[in-house]
Amino acid sequence: MCRHMIKRTTVRLPTELLRKAQRKAAAEGRTLTALMEDGLRYVVSDKPAEKPERFMPRVSTATGGQMPGITTLKDLEEIEDLEYIQRMRRGFK
């Protein structure tokens, strides 16, 4: 029988990266540890690297400008975070 040991470690992360990771973990209803495990498994997997999908801001077809409710860069980042969560869910199931 093979037993997997779990080791504790300390990582140093930029504050903003940690905050984003915590938000993603909370939005997915899981721990930061689980999020980091999945991310590390993905990075060390033998899958060929995919080119990241290019993110384009949503544009209103009615006015040609920004979609309603998108007034700041933070609004765009939140939309990108939600879309990222959906892509991660599809990729890790």
Protein backbone atom coordinates (compact mmCIF):
# COMPACT_ATOMS: atom_id res chain seq x y z
CA MET A 1 0.00 0.00 0.00
CA CYS A 2 1.36 3.39 -1.05
CA ARG A 3 0.97 6.21 1.43
CA HIS A 4 1.33 9.79 0.34
CA MET A 5 2.98 11.98 2.91
CA ILE A 6 1.78 15.51 3.35
CA LYS A 7 4.48 18.04 4.09
CA ARG A 8 4.13 21.56 5.40
CA THR A 9 6.00 24.32 3.65
CA THR A 10 6.19 28.08 3.64
CA VAL A 11 5.83 30.09 0.47
CA ARG A 12 6.40 33.75 -0.12
CA LEU A 13 3.88 35.37 -2.45
CA PRO A 14 3.27 38.94 -3.55
CA THR A 15 0.37 40.34 -1.49
CA GLU A 16 -1.89 40.95 -4.50
CA LEU A 17 -1.33 37.41 -5.84
CA LEU A 18 -2.22 35.96 -2.45
CA ARG A 19 -5.38 38.08 -2.28
CA LYS A 20 -6.47 36.95 -5.75
CA ALA A 21 -5.80 33.32 -4.86
CA GLN A 22 -7.80 33.67 -1.65
CA ARG A 23 -10.71 35.23 -3.57
CA LYS A 24 -10.65 32.40 -6.13
CA ALA A 25 -10.54 29.73 -3.44
CA ALA A 26 -13.44 31.36 -1.59
CA ALA A 27 -15.46 31.74 -4.80
CA GLU A 28 -14.95 28.04 -5.52
CA GLY A 29 -15.78 27.06 -1.94
CA ARG A 30 -12.45 25.39 -1.25
CA THR A 31 -9.25 26.00 0.65
CA LEU A 32 -6.25 27.96 -0.52
CA THR A 33 -4.22 24.76 -0.10
CA ALA A 34 -6.50 22.89 -2.53
CA LEU A 35 -6.23 25.72 -5.05
CA MET A 36 -2.44 25.71 -4.81
CA GLU A 37 -2.30 21.90 -5.10
CA ASP A 38 -4.33 21.98 -8.32
CA GLY A 39 -2.19 24.78 -9.71
CA LEU A 40 1.03 22.94 -8.95
CA ARG A 41 -0.33 19.69 -10.39
CA TYR A 42 -1.19 21.55 -13.58
CA VAL A 43 2.24 23.19 -13.84
CA VAL A 44 4.19 19.97 -13.26
CA SER A 45 1.96 17.80 -15.47
CA ASP A 46 3.24 16.46 -18.77
CA LYS A 47 0.50 18.21 -20.72
CA PRO A 48 1.77 20.48 -23.47
CA ALA A 49 1.58 24.12 -22.50
CA GLU A 50 -1.42 25.91 -23.93
CA LYS A 51 -1.23 29.48 -25.03
CA PRO A 52 -3.32 31.56 -22.60
CA GLU A 53 -6.60 32.75 -23.99
CA ARG A 54 -6.48 36.44 -24.83
CA PHE A 55 -8.89 38.50 -22.77
CA MET A 56 -10.78 41.23 -24.56
CA PRO A 57 -13.05 43.68 -22.70
CA ARG A 58 -16.73 43.27 -23.43
CA VAL A 59 -18.17 45.86 -25.76
CA SER A 60 -21.78 46.92 -25.98
CA THR A 61 -23.29 46.19 -29.39
CA ALA A 62 -25.82 48.97 -28.83
CA THR A 63 -23.37 51.82 -28.21
CA GLY A 64 -20.00 50.42 -29.24
CA GLY A 65 -18.59 51.37 -25.83
CA GLN A 66 -18.04 49.48 -22.61
CA MET A 67 -20.74 47.15 -21.37
CA PRO A 68 -22.97 48.57 -18.64
CA GLY A 69 -21.49 48.11 -15.19
CA ILE A 70 -17.89 48.10 -16.42
CA THR A 71 -16.46 51.41 -15.34
CA THR A 72 -13.05 50.58 -13.93
CA LEU A 73 -10.14 48.23 -14.45
CA LYS A 74 -11.21 46.48 -11.23
CA ASP A 75 -14.56 45.60 -12.87
CA LEU A 76 -12.69 43.97 -15.75
CA GLU A 77 -10.40 42.09 -13.35
CA GLU A 78 -13.42 40.69 -11.47
CA ILE A 79 -14.98 39.47 -14.73
CA GLU A 80 -11.66 37.92 -15.72
CA ASP A 81 -11.43 36.22 -12.30
CA LEU A 82 -14.91 34.70 -12.72
CA GLU A 83 -14.10 33.50 -16.24
CA TYR A 84 -10.80 32.05 -14.98
CA ILE A 85 -12.65 30.11 -12.29
CA GLN A 86 -14.95 28.62 -14.90
CA ARG A 87 -11.98 27.60 -17.10
CA MET A 88 -10.22 26.03 -14.11
CA ARG A 89 -13.34 24.06 -13.15
CA ARG A 90 -13.56 22.66 -16.67
CA GLY A 91 -9.84 21.82 -16.71
CA PHE A 92 -9.55 20.09 -13.35
CA LYS A 93 -12.63 17.85 -13.50
